[in-house]
Amino acid sequence: MRRADIGLITFHMRVGTQQVIQLKIYRDGTIIRMGGGGMPPIPIGGVSYWPGNGIFEKLMEKLPPQLLVNDIAYEEPIHSQ
């Protein structure tokens, strides 16, 4: 896979089985947030459209090259302490 093929970055944060926040960051500047990020989870969401905001590009710069050798639906293993 090439970096140019990626159009969406998603983040999911869970506490146990409960999702506390999900972020979707699109290449075109659309950002979708679901959840407030705290416990207990609250059903709140929002969508923003900021073309040219640079957030997607900054995240792509941090993308480790070894992730590009995996399929598009690749998920990092969950590490518990």
C-alpha atoms as a PDB file:
ATOM      1  CA  MET A   1       0.000   0.000   0.000  1.00  0.00           C
ATOM      2  CA  ARG A   2       1.164   3.542  -0.709  1.00  0.00           C
ATOM      3  CA  ARG A   3       0.606   6.610   1.487  1.00  0.00           C
ATOM      4  CA  ALA A   4      -1.304   8.200  -1.409  1.00  0.00           C
ATOM      5  CA  ASP A   5      -3.845   5.331  -1.234  1.00  0.00           C
ATOM      6  CA  ILE A   6      -4.877   6.253   2.319  1.00  0.00           C
ATOM      7  CA  GLY A   7      -7.846   8.603   2.598  1.00  0.00           C
ATOM      8  CA  LEU A   8      -9.064   7.985   6.155  1.00  0.00           C
ATOM      9  CA  ILE A   9      -7.407   7.570   9.548  1.00  0.00           C
ATOM     10  CA  THR A  10      -9.509   6.288  12.456  1.00  0.00           C
ATOM     11  CA  PHE A  11      -8.845   6.197  16.173  1.00  0.00           C
ATOM     12  CA  HIS A  12     -10.910   4.197  18.639  1.00  0.00           C
ATOM     13  CA  MET A  13     -10.450   4.368  22.387  1.00  0.00           C
ATOM     14  CA  ARG A  14     -12.168   1.830  24.617  1.00  0.00           C
ATOM     15  CA  VAL A  15     -12.316   1.323  28.342  1.00  0.00           C
ATOM     16  CA  GLY A  16     -13.097  -2.337  28.781  1.00  0.00           C
ATOM     17  CA  THR A  17     -15.846  -3.013  26.256  1.00  0.00           C
ATOM     18  CA  GLN A  18     -17.159   0.570  26.171  1.00  0.00           C
ATOM     19  CA  GLN A  19     -16.073   2.899  23.381  1.00  0.00           C
ATOM     20  CA  VAL A  20     -15.328   6.321  24.882  1.00  0.00           C
ATOM     21  CA  ILE A  21     -14.259   8.147  21.704  1.00  0.00           C
ATOM     22  CA  GLN A  22     -13.885   7.525  18.003  1.00  0.00           C
ATOM     23  CA  LEU A  23     -12.222   9.937  15.588  1.00  0.00           C
ATOM     24  CA  LYS A  24     -12.330   9.749  11.795  1.00  0.00           C
ATOM     25  CA  ILE A  25      -9.928  12.091  10.003  1.00  0.00           C
ATOM     26  CA  TYR A  26     -10.348  12.294   6.221  1.00  0.00           C
ATOM     27  CA  ARG A  27      -7.834  13.542   3.681  1.00  0.00           C
ATOM     28  CA  ASP A  28     -10.301  16.231   2.478  1.00  0.00           C
ATOM     29  CA  GLY A  29     -10.408  17.912   5.912  1.00  0.00           C
ATOM     30  CA  THR A  30     -13.543  16.255   7.310  1.00  0.00           C
ATOM     31  CA  ILE A  31     -13.235  15.273  10.980  1.00  0.00           C
ATOM     32  CA  ILE A  32     -15.898  13.197  12.732  1.00  0.00           C
ATOM     33  CA  ARG A  33     -15.902  12.713  16.492  1.00  0.00           C
ATOM     34  CA  MET A  34     -18.199  10.337  18.353  1.00  0.00           C
ATOM     35  CA  GLY A  35     -18.055  10.276  22.137  1.00  0.00           C
ATOM     36  CA  GLY A  36     -16.630  12.635  24.712  1.00  0.00           C
ATOM     37  CA  GLY A  37     -13.519  10.681  25.646  1.00  0.00           C
ATOM     38  CA  GLY A  38     -14.413  10.113  29.288  1.00  0.00           C
ATOM     39  CA  MET A  39     -16.208   7.689  31.527  1.00  0.00           C
ATOM     40  CA  PRO A  40     -19.042   7.079  31.617  1.00  0.00           C
ATOM     41  CA  PRO A  41     -19.352   7.286  27.810  1.00  0.00           C
ATOM     42  CA  ILE A  42     -21.724   9.988  26.620  1.00  0.00           C
ATOM     43  CA  PRO A  43     -23.610   9.852  23.316  1.00  0.00           C
ATOM     44  CA  ILE A  44     -22.255  13.018  21.708  1.00  0.00           C
ATOM     45  CA  GLY A  45     -20.808  13.583  18.282  1.00  0.00           C
ATOM     46  CA  GLY A  46     -19.781  16.224  15.845  1.00  0.00           C
ATOM     47  CA  VAL A  47     -18.600  16.748  12.293  1.00  0.00           C
ATOM     48  CA  SER A  48     -16.257  19.479  11.093  1.00  0.00           C
ATOM     49  CA  TYR A  49     -15.022  20.314   7.635  1.00  0.00           C
ATOM     50  CA  TRP A  50     -11.735  22.224   7.562  1.00  0.00           C
ATOM     51  CA  PRO A  51     -10.166  21.929   4.113  1.00  0.00           C
ATOM     52  CA  GLY A  52      -6.452  22.529   4.220  1.00  0.00           C
ATOM     53  CA  ASN A  53      -6.198  22.113   8.010  1.00  0.00           C
ATOM     54  CA  GLY A  54      -3.114  19.870   7.720  1.00  0.00           C
ATOM     55  CA  ILE A  55      -4.184  17.435  10.465  1.00  0.00           C
ATOM     56  CA  PHE A  56      -4.380  14.473   8.079  1.00  0.00           C
ATOM     57  CA  GLU A  57      -0.959  15.249   6.633  1.00  0.00           C
ATOM     58  CA  LYS A  58       0.636  15.592  10.086  1.00  0.00           C
ATOM     59  CA  LEU A  59      -0.782  12.205  11.100  1.00  0.00           C
ATOM     60  CA  MET A  60       0.457  10.646   7.852  1.00  0.00           C
ATOM     61  CA  GLU A  61       3.976  11.893   8.638  1.00  0.00           C
ATOM     62  CA  LYS A  62       3.829   9.880  11.889  1.00  0.00           C
ATOM     63  CA  LEU A  63       2.627   6.694  10.170  1.00  0.00           C
ATOM     64  CA  PRO A  64       5.313   4.017  10.668  1.00  0.00           C
ATOM     65  CA  PRO A  65       6.512   2.633   7.294  1.00  0.00           C
ATOM     66  CA  GLN A  66       5.996  -0.953   8.484  1.00  0.00           C
ATOM     67  CA  LEU A  67       2.222  -0.361   8.558  1.00  0.00           C
ATOM     68  CA  LEU A  68       2.239   0.178   4.804  1.00  0.00           C
ATOM     69  CA  VAL A  69       3.175  -3.462   4.187  1.00  0.00           C
ATOM     70  CA  ASN A  70      -0.114  -4.624   5.772  1.00  0.00           C
ATOM     71  CA  ASP A  71      -3.630  -4.713   4.357  1.00  0.00           C
ATOM     72  CA  ILE A  72      -5.776  -1.591   4.538  1.00  0.00           C
ATOM     73  CA  ALA A  73      -7.916  -3.086   7.327  1.00  0.00           C
ATOM     74  CA  TYR A  74      -4.846  -3.700   9.532  1.00  0.00           C
ATOM     75  CA  GLU A  75      -5.296  -3.133  13.267  1.00  0.00           C
ATOM     76  CA  GLU A  76      -2.507  -2.845  15.783  1.00  0.00           C
ATOM     77  CA  PRO A  77      -2.684  -5.462  18.543  1.00  0.00           C
ATOM     78  CA  ILE A  78      -4.071  -4.192  21.846  1.00  0.00           C
ATOM     79  CA  HIS A  79      -1.420  -4.057  24.561  1.00  0.00           C
ATOM     80  CA  SER A  80      -2.542  -4.203  28.161  1.00  0.00           C
ATOM     81  CA  GLN A  81      -0.351  -3.267  31.083  1.00  0.00           C
END
